[in-house]
Protein backbone atom coordinates (compact mmCIF):
# COMPACT_ATOMS: atom_id res chain seq x y z
CA MET A 1 0.02 0.29 -0.26
CA ILE A 2 1.60 3.46 -1.28
CA THR A 3 0.78 5.98 1.87
CA LEU A 4 0.94 9.50 1.61
CA LYS A 5 4.57 9.90 3.57
CA LYS A 6 5.77 6.93 0.63
CA LEU A 7 4.42 8.88 -2.23
CA LYS A 8 6.02 12.15 -0.82
CA TYR A 9 9.50 10.25 -1.01
CA ARG A 10 9.21 8.96 -4.63
CA ILE A 11 8.34 12.15 -5.80
CA TRP A 12 11.15 13.72 -4.15
CA GLY A 13 13.25 11.10 -5.11
CA SER A 14 12.02 11.47 -8.45
CA ILE A 15 12.95 15.58 -8.16
CA VAL A 16 16.38 14.76 -7.22
CA GLY A 17 17.41 12.11 -10.23
CA THR A 18 16.08 14.67 -12.49
CA TYR A 19 18.51 17.48 -11.34
CA ARG A 20 21.23 15.86 -9.44
CA ASN A 21 23.39 16.88 -12.05
CA LYS A 22 22.23 20.29 -12.63
CA LYS A 23 23.84 23.21 -11.42
CA ILE A 24 20.81 24.50 -10.09
CA TYR A 25 20.62 21.42 -8.10
CA PRO A 26 21.99 22.70 -4.60
CA LEU A 27 19.05 25.23 -4.59
CA LEU A 28 16.09 22.50 -3.77
CA TYR A 29 17.40 23.03 -0.40
CA ARG A 30 16.36 24.83 1.98
CA SER A 31 19.95 24.57 3.85
CA TYR A 32 21.59 26.34 0.67
CA TRP A 33 19.50 29.03 0.69
CA HIS A 34 20.61 29.82 3.92
CA TYR A 35 24.12 29.75 3.54
CA LEU A 36 23.51 31.70 0.43
CA PHE A 37 22.25 34.54 2.74
CA HIS A 38 23.90 33.86 6.20
CA LYS A 39 27.58 34.42 6.30
CA ASN A 40 28.18 32.74 9.73
CA ASN A 41 31.25 34.19 11.39
CA HIS A 42 30.77 31.53 14.21
CA LYS A 43 33.27 28.63 14.45
CA ASP A 44 31.50 26.64 16.85
CA LEU A 45 29.80 23.39 15.48
CA SER A 46 29.70 21.69 18.76
CA SER A 47 25.97 22.02 18.77
CA CYS A 48 25.15 20.29 15.43
CA TYR A 49 24.62 16.81 14.56
CA TYR A 50 24.69 14.79 11.45
CA THR A 51 22.34 11.85 10.00
CA ALA A 52 21.15 9.78 7.94
CA ARG A 53 17.92 7.86 7.14
CA PRO A 54 18.12 3.98 6.65
CA ASN A 55 16.18 3.84 3.47
CA PRO A 56 13.17 2.09 4.74
CA GLY A 57 12.14 0.76 1.20
CA ALA A 58 15.40 -1.15 1.09
CA GLY A 59 17.07 -4.31 2.62
CA ILE A 60 18.74 -4.41 5.72
CA GLY A 61 22.25 -4.35 3.93
CA HIS A 62 21.17 -1.05 2.04
CA GLN A 63 19.75 0.34 5.32
CA ILE A 64 23.15 -0.59 7.24
CA ALA A 65 24.93 1.16 4.65
CA ASN A 66 23.07 4.36 4.52
CA TRP A 67 23.52 4.61 8.72
CA ILE A 68 26.95 3.93 8.60
CA ALA A 69 27.62 6.65 6.19
CA GLY A 70 25.43 8.97 8.36
CA LEU A 71 27.97 7.70 11.25
CA TRP A 72 31.30 8.52 9.04
CA PHE A 73 30.23 11.59 7.45
CA SER A 74 29.35 13.00 11.49
CA LYS A 75 33.43 12.45 12.11
CA LYS A 76 34.25 14.06 8.73
CA PHE A 77 32.31 17.32 9.14
CA ASN A 78 33.20 17.52 13.01
CA LEU A 79 29.50 17.00 14.05
CA LYS A 80 28.05 15.13 16.53
CA PHE A 81 25.86 11.85 15.57
CA ALA A 82 22.17 11.49 15.62
CA HIS A 83 20.47 8.18 15.05
CA ILE A 84 17.93 7.52 12.78
CA PRO A 85 16.51 4.11 13.83
CA PHE A 86 16.07 0.98 11.02
CA ALA A 87 13.06 0.81 9.41
CA THR A 88 11.73 -2.55 11.30
CA PRO A 89 11.94 -2.39 15.58
CA GLN A 90 13.00 -6.24 15.25
CA TRP A 91 16.03 -4.74 13.26
CA GLU A 92 16.60 -2.22 15.54
CA GLU A 93 16.52 -4.28 18.39
CA PHE A 94 19.05 -6.83 17.02
CA LEU A 95 21.85 -4.38 15.77
CA GLY A 96 21.77 -2.50 18.97
CA PHE A 97 23.71 0.84 16.87
CA GLY A 98 21.40 2.96 18.49
CA LEU A 99 22.46 2.15 22.00
CA GLY A 100 24.08 5.47 23.42
CA GLU A 101 23.12 7.75 20.45
CA LYS A 102 20.84 10.63 20.68
CA THR A 103 18.04 10.13 18.32
CA ILE A 104 16.43 13.28 15.97
CA GLU A 105 13.10 12.70 18.32
CA GLU A 106 15.06 13.33 21.84
CA LEU A 107 16.83 16.22 19.45
CA LYS A 108 13.80 17.84 18.33
CA GLN A 109 12.20 17.94 22.07
CA GLN A 110 15.48 20.21 23.04
CA ALA A 111 14.27 22.62 19.88
CA TYR A 112 16.63 21.10 17.45
CA ILE A 113 15.69 22.08 14.02
CA THR A 114 16.48 19.91 11.01
CA ARG A 115 18.18 20.25 7.84
CA LYS A 116 18.58 18.60 4.69
CA LEU A 117 21.92 18.65 2.71
CA PRO A 118 22.30 18.32 -0.60
CA LEU A 119 24.01 14.91 -2.22
CA PHE A 120 27.34 15.03 -2.91
CA ASN A 121 30.01 12.82 -4.14
CA GLU A 122 33.21 11.85 -1.53
CA SER A 123 35.87 12.31 -4.47
CA ASP A 124 34.33 15.72 -5.66
CA ALA A 125 36.19 18.61 -3.34
CA ALA A 126 34.09 20.96 -4.67
CA GLU A 127 31.14 19.12 -3.41
CA VAL A 128 32.29 18.28 -0.29
CA GLU A 129 33.23 21.76 0.37
CA LEU A 130 29.88 23.37 -1.01
CA ASN A 131 28.46 20.76 2.17
CA LYS A 132 30.67 22.35 4.69
CA LYS A 133 30.41 25.70 3.91
CA ILE A 134 26.40 25.14 4.41
CA ILE A 135 26.65 23.46 7.80
CA GLN A 136 29.14 26.23 8.96
CA SER A 137 26.58 28.69 8.14
CA TYR A 138 24.38 27.10 10.86
CA ALA A 139 26.74 27.16 13.49
CA GLY A 140 26.26 28.40 16.84
CA ARG A 141 23.20 26.58 16.49
CA LYS A 142 20.71 23.59 17.46
CA VAL A 143 20.51 21.66 13.83
CA ILE A 144 20.40 18.04 12.75
CA PHE A 145 21.79 17.96 9.10
CA ILE A 146 20.36 14.91 7.24
CA ALA A 147 21.92 13.87 4.45
CA GLU A 148 20.11 13.22 1.07
CA GLN A 149 18.95 9.54 0.65
CA ASP A 150 21.40 7.13 -0.02
CA GLN A 151 24.09 9.42 0.54
CA PHE A 152 27.09 7.13 -0.70
CA TYR A 153 30.12 6.09 1.34
CA ARG A 154 32.37 3.99 -0.65
CA LEU A 155 34.89 2.17 1.88
CA GLN A 156 32.04 1.52 4.85
CA TYR A 157 34.82 0.07 6.86
CA GLY A 158 35.83 3.35 8.35
CA VAL A 159 33.75 2.64 11.48
CA ILE A 160 34.21 -0.64 11.98
CA ASP A 161 35.69 -0.58 15.56
CA GLU A 162 32.52 1.38 16.42
CA LEU A 163 30.20 -1.04 14.87
CA LYS A 164 31.72 -4.27 16.33
CA GLN A 165 31.81 -2.36 19.60
CA LYS A 166 27.71 -1.45 19.54
CA PHE A 167 27.26 -5.17 17.94
CA TYR A 168 28.53 -7.47 20.11
CA ASN A 169 27.76 -5.61 23.52
CA ALA A 170 24.16 -4.99 22.16
CA PRO A 171 21.04 -6.34 25.01
CA ALA A 172 20.50 -8.11 22.01
CA ARG A 173 23.28 -11.07 22.11
CA LYS A 174 21.78 -12.53 25.35
CA LYS A 175 19.00 -13.66 23.12
CA ASP A 176 21.32 -15.41 20.39
CA HIS A 177 21.01 -18.80 19.53
CA LEU A 178 23.64 -20.61 17.03
CA ILE A 179 23.50 -23.40 15.48
CA TYR A 180 27.27 -23.71 15.18
CA SER A 181 29.26 -25.98 17.65
CA PRO A 182 32.21 -24.30 19.10
CA THR A 183 34.34 -27.16 18.83
CA ASN A 184 34.24 -27.38 15.24
CA PHE A 185 35.70 -24.68 12.10
CA ASN A 186 32.51 -23.73 10.80
CA ILE A 187 32.36 -21.91 7.32
CA ALA A 188 29.70 -19.80 6.41
CA ILE A 189 28.93 -19.59 2.43
CA HIS A 190 26.36 -16.76 1.17
CA VAL A 191 25.04 -17.21 -2.12
CA ARG A 192 23.13 -14.39 -3.34
CA ARG A 193 20.18 -15.61 -5.73
CA GLY A 194 16.60 -14.47 -4.99
CA ASP A 195 16.28 -10.98 -6.60
CA ILE A 196 18.67 -11.85 -9.13
CA MET A 197 16.55 -15.47 -10.21
CA ASN A 198 13.67 -13.47 -10.32
CA ASP A 199 14.67 -10.43 -12.77
CA PRO A 200 17.87 -12.30 -14.78
CA ASN A 201 17.57 -9.43 -17.47
CA ASN A 202 17.95 -6.65 -14.92
CA PRO A 203 21.55 -5.42 -15.54
CA ASN A 204 22.05 -3.90 -12.17
CA LEU A 205 21.71 -7.80 -10.72
CA VAL A 206 23.40 -9.38 -13.17
CA MET A 207 26.27 -7.37 -11.89
CA ARG A 208 25.91 -9.05 -8.60
CA TYR A 209 25.80 -12.47 -9.91
CA LEU A 210 28.23 -15.21 -8.95
CA SER A 211 27.79 -18.86 -10.43
CA ASN A 212 27.65 -22.07 -7.92
CA ASP A 213 30.82 -22.66 -9.92
CA TYR A 214 32.63 -19.80 -8.51
CA PHE A 215 31.66 -20.21 -4.79
CA GLU A 216 32.84 -24.26 -5.39
CA LYS A 217 35.69 -23.07 -6.16
CA VAL A 218 36.77 -21.15 -3.40
CA LEU A 219 35.47 -23.76 -1.17
CA LYS A 220 37.73 -26.39 -2.48
CA GLN A 221 40.75 -24.08 -2.14
CA VAL A 222 39.72 -23.10 1.37
CA LEU A 223 39.55 -27.51 2.38
CA ALA A 224 42.61 -27.79 0.29
CA ASN A 225 44.52 -25.02 2.25
CA LEU A 226 43.26 -25.34 5.73
CA GLN A 227 45.83 -25.69 8.48
CA ILE A 228 43.23 -26.45 11.34
CA LYS A 229 43.04 -29.42 13.45
CA LYS A 230 38.98 -29.35 14.14
CA HIS A 231 36.18 -30.97 12.66
CA ILE A 232 34.72 -28.78 9.41
CA HIS A 233 31.31 -27.92 9.13
CA ILE A 234 29.97 -25.94 6.22
CA TYR A 235 27.04 -23.75 6.34
CA PHE A 236 25.25 -23.20 2.80
CA PHE A 237 23.26 -19.89 3.58
CA SER A 238 20.87 -18.98 0.12
CA GLN A 239 17.41 -19.34 -1.58
CA GLY A 240 16.19 -22.27 -3.07
CA LYS A 241 16.70 -26.39 -2.95
CA PRO A 242 19.81 -28.43 -2.57
CA GLU A 243 19.27 -29.87 -5.75
CA ASP A 244 20.21 -25.93 -7.52
CA TYR A 245 23.11 -26.57 -6.37
CA PRO A 246 24.73 -29.96 -7.29
CA GLU A 247 28.29 -28.95 -7.77
CA PHE A 248 28.33 -28.99 -3.46
CA ALA A 249 26.63 -32.54 -3.01
CA GLN A 250 30.35 -34.04 -2.67
CA TYR A 251 30.78 -32.54 0.75
CA SER A 252 30.40 -33.75 3.77
CA ASN A 253 29.09 -31.63 6.99
CA LEU A 254 27.68 -29.58 4.60
CA HIS A 255 24.12 -27.80 6.21
CA TRP A 256 21.85 -26.11 3.74
CA CYS A 257 20.45 -22.76 5.26
CA PHE A 258 17.50 -22.44 3.24
CA ASN A 259 14.97 -21.88 5.62
CA MET A 260 16.69 -19.86 8.10
CA ASN A 261 15.35 -15.98 9.08
CA ALA A 262 17.16 -12.93 7.84
CA GLN A 263 18.20 -12.29 11.35
CA ASP A 264 19.40 -15.65 11.98
CA SER A 265 21.35 -15.79 8.55
CA PHE A 266 23.02 -12.49 9.36
CA LEU A 267 23.85 -13.81 13.13
CA HIS A 268 25.32 -16.86 11.87
CA LEU A 269 27.44 -14.85 9.15
CA VAL A 270 28.76 -12.92 11.77
CA TYR A 271 29.88 -15.66 14.14
CA ALA A 272 31.64 -17.89 11.17
CA ASP A 273 35.14 -18.74 11.85
CA LEU A 274 35.01 -18.43 7.84
CA LEU A 275 32.88 -16.49 5.85
CA ILE A 276 32.67 -16.78 1.67
CA THR A 277 30.58 -13.63 1.12
CA SER A 278 28.67 -12.43 -2.29
CA LYS A 279 28.57 -9.20 -4.35
CA SER A 280 25.36 -8.66 -1.72
CA SER A 281 25.71 -5.95 1.39
CA PHE A 282 23.68 -8.72 3.31
CA SER A 283 26.82 -10.48 3.42
CA TYR A 284 29.28 -7.56 3.50
CA LYS A 285 27.94 -6.22 6.27
CA PRO A 286 27.88 -9.06 8.46
CA ALA A 287 31.92 -9.61 7.52
CA LEU A 288 32.61 -5.71 8.72
CA LEU A 289 31.43 -7.33 11.97
CA ASN A 290 32.94 -10.95 11.64
CA ASN A 291 36.41 -11.52 13.71
CA GLY A 292 36.95 -14.51 11.51
CA ILE A 293 38.10 -15.35 8.32
CA LYS A 294 36.47 -13.09 4.86
CA ILE A 295 36.80 -14.37 1.31
CA CYS A 296 34.87 -11.59 -0.57
CA PRO A 297 34.75 -10.89 -4.40
CA LYS A 298 37.05 -7.83 -5.20
CA ASN A 299 34.95 -6.14 -7.84
CA PHE A 300 32.42 -4.90 -5.57
CA TRP A 301 30.88 -1.49 -4.90
CA HIS A 302 32.02 -1.10 -1.15
CA GLY A 303 36.19 -1.26 -0.24
CA TYR A 304 37.61 -4.27 2.20
CA PRO A 305 40.37 -3.50 5.18
CA ASN A 306 43.67 -3.88 4.13
CA ASN A 307 44.17 -6.84 6.81
CA LYS A 308 45.31 -10.63 6.76
CA LYS A 309 41.85 -11.23 7.65
CA TRP A 310 40.43 -10.17 4.29
CA ILE A 311 41.06 -12.12 1.45
CA LEU A 312 39.97 -11.16 -1.96
CA CYS A 313 39.04 -13.32 -5.59
CA ASP A 314 38.66 -12.40 -8.81
CA ASN A 315 35.42 -13.51 -10.60
CA ASN A 316 36.58 -16.60 -10.98
CA GLY A 317 37.23 -17.89 -7.90
CA ASN A 318 40.89 -16.81 -7.45
CA PHE A 319 42.89 -15.70 -4.56
CA ASP A 320 46.31 -15.58 -3.07
CA ILE A 321 46.28 -19.15 -1.23
CA SER A 322 49.50 -17.73 0.30
CA SER A 323 47.23 -15.10 2.24
CA LEU A 324 44.73 -17.77 2.84
CA LYS A 325 47.98 -19.71 4.91
CA GLN A 326 49.13 -16.99 6.69
CA ALA A 327 45.49 -16.09 8.08
CA PHE A 328 45.58 -19.25 9.19
CA SER A 329 48.77 -19.04 10.70
CA ASP A 330 47.57 -16.48 12.73
CA LEU A 331 44.37 -18.08 14.52
């Protein structure tokens, strides 16, 4: 059902999409007009906050990317961070990212106003500088700056320590239930299929596709070089049925996790000893929280830390075996 609020978001999104690359684009924003007519000599931004709204129409991986962008750019603009809850209370509680953070609603009760900022390319110095000037024009006032919807932050891992601290200390962790045994070495594979297979002609989805052979090749190389004395168990997270993945029939101790709900799947990706990810935000975000070894597709729209526990594959499933051996030796 399309509500008035959703319709408003769609219309505004269409307007932003139409004018984003035109010179008049900043004129759409009240905050820009304020900057034009208010040359502020104040330097103190201590009363100001920055935030980004998790897109309510997107999947949880996308929403987390929005939230991370808000936290990251609050630091870059020397502002305090304000929390906007995730679209569903279940994910809000599960992630625990808002704990200890001021929310927009709490700040509004303290006479704060909100102002939206224009989209900017983080690699475009002029666009970043314009946002800084707009923010500076409000110095000394009680303002919450809201990033335009889906403001992009590519690397994502810049706040990885904060994410882990929040997630692992969230009260929801007391309710977690894992099917993993701590006496085993648990490998999780996330294979993105559902939306891709439902619309195979969509180029935006095709670019996210990795074949069954890709995942099987990665797994085979992992098992051939696994330097661990524990029993190995493999957990396969995807949609469909075992017959859709005949390449994996040869593996013992393989557990199909087709019917696990999204939060439990996310949780198990986080706690895997070794995680093989897809070109998907749904496995990239757990990888940010995961303390084990991560094997990920190199060609992806977010970046990866330069860390021994992060191993990158080409689209054919090839990766540096010596890096994997080094990661195992450090366990």
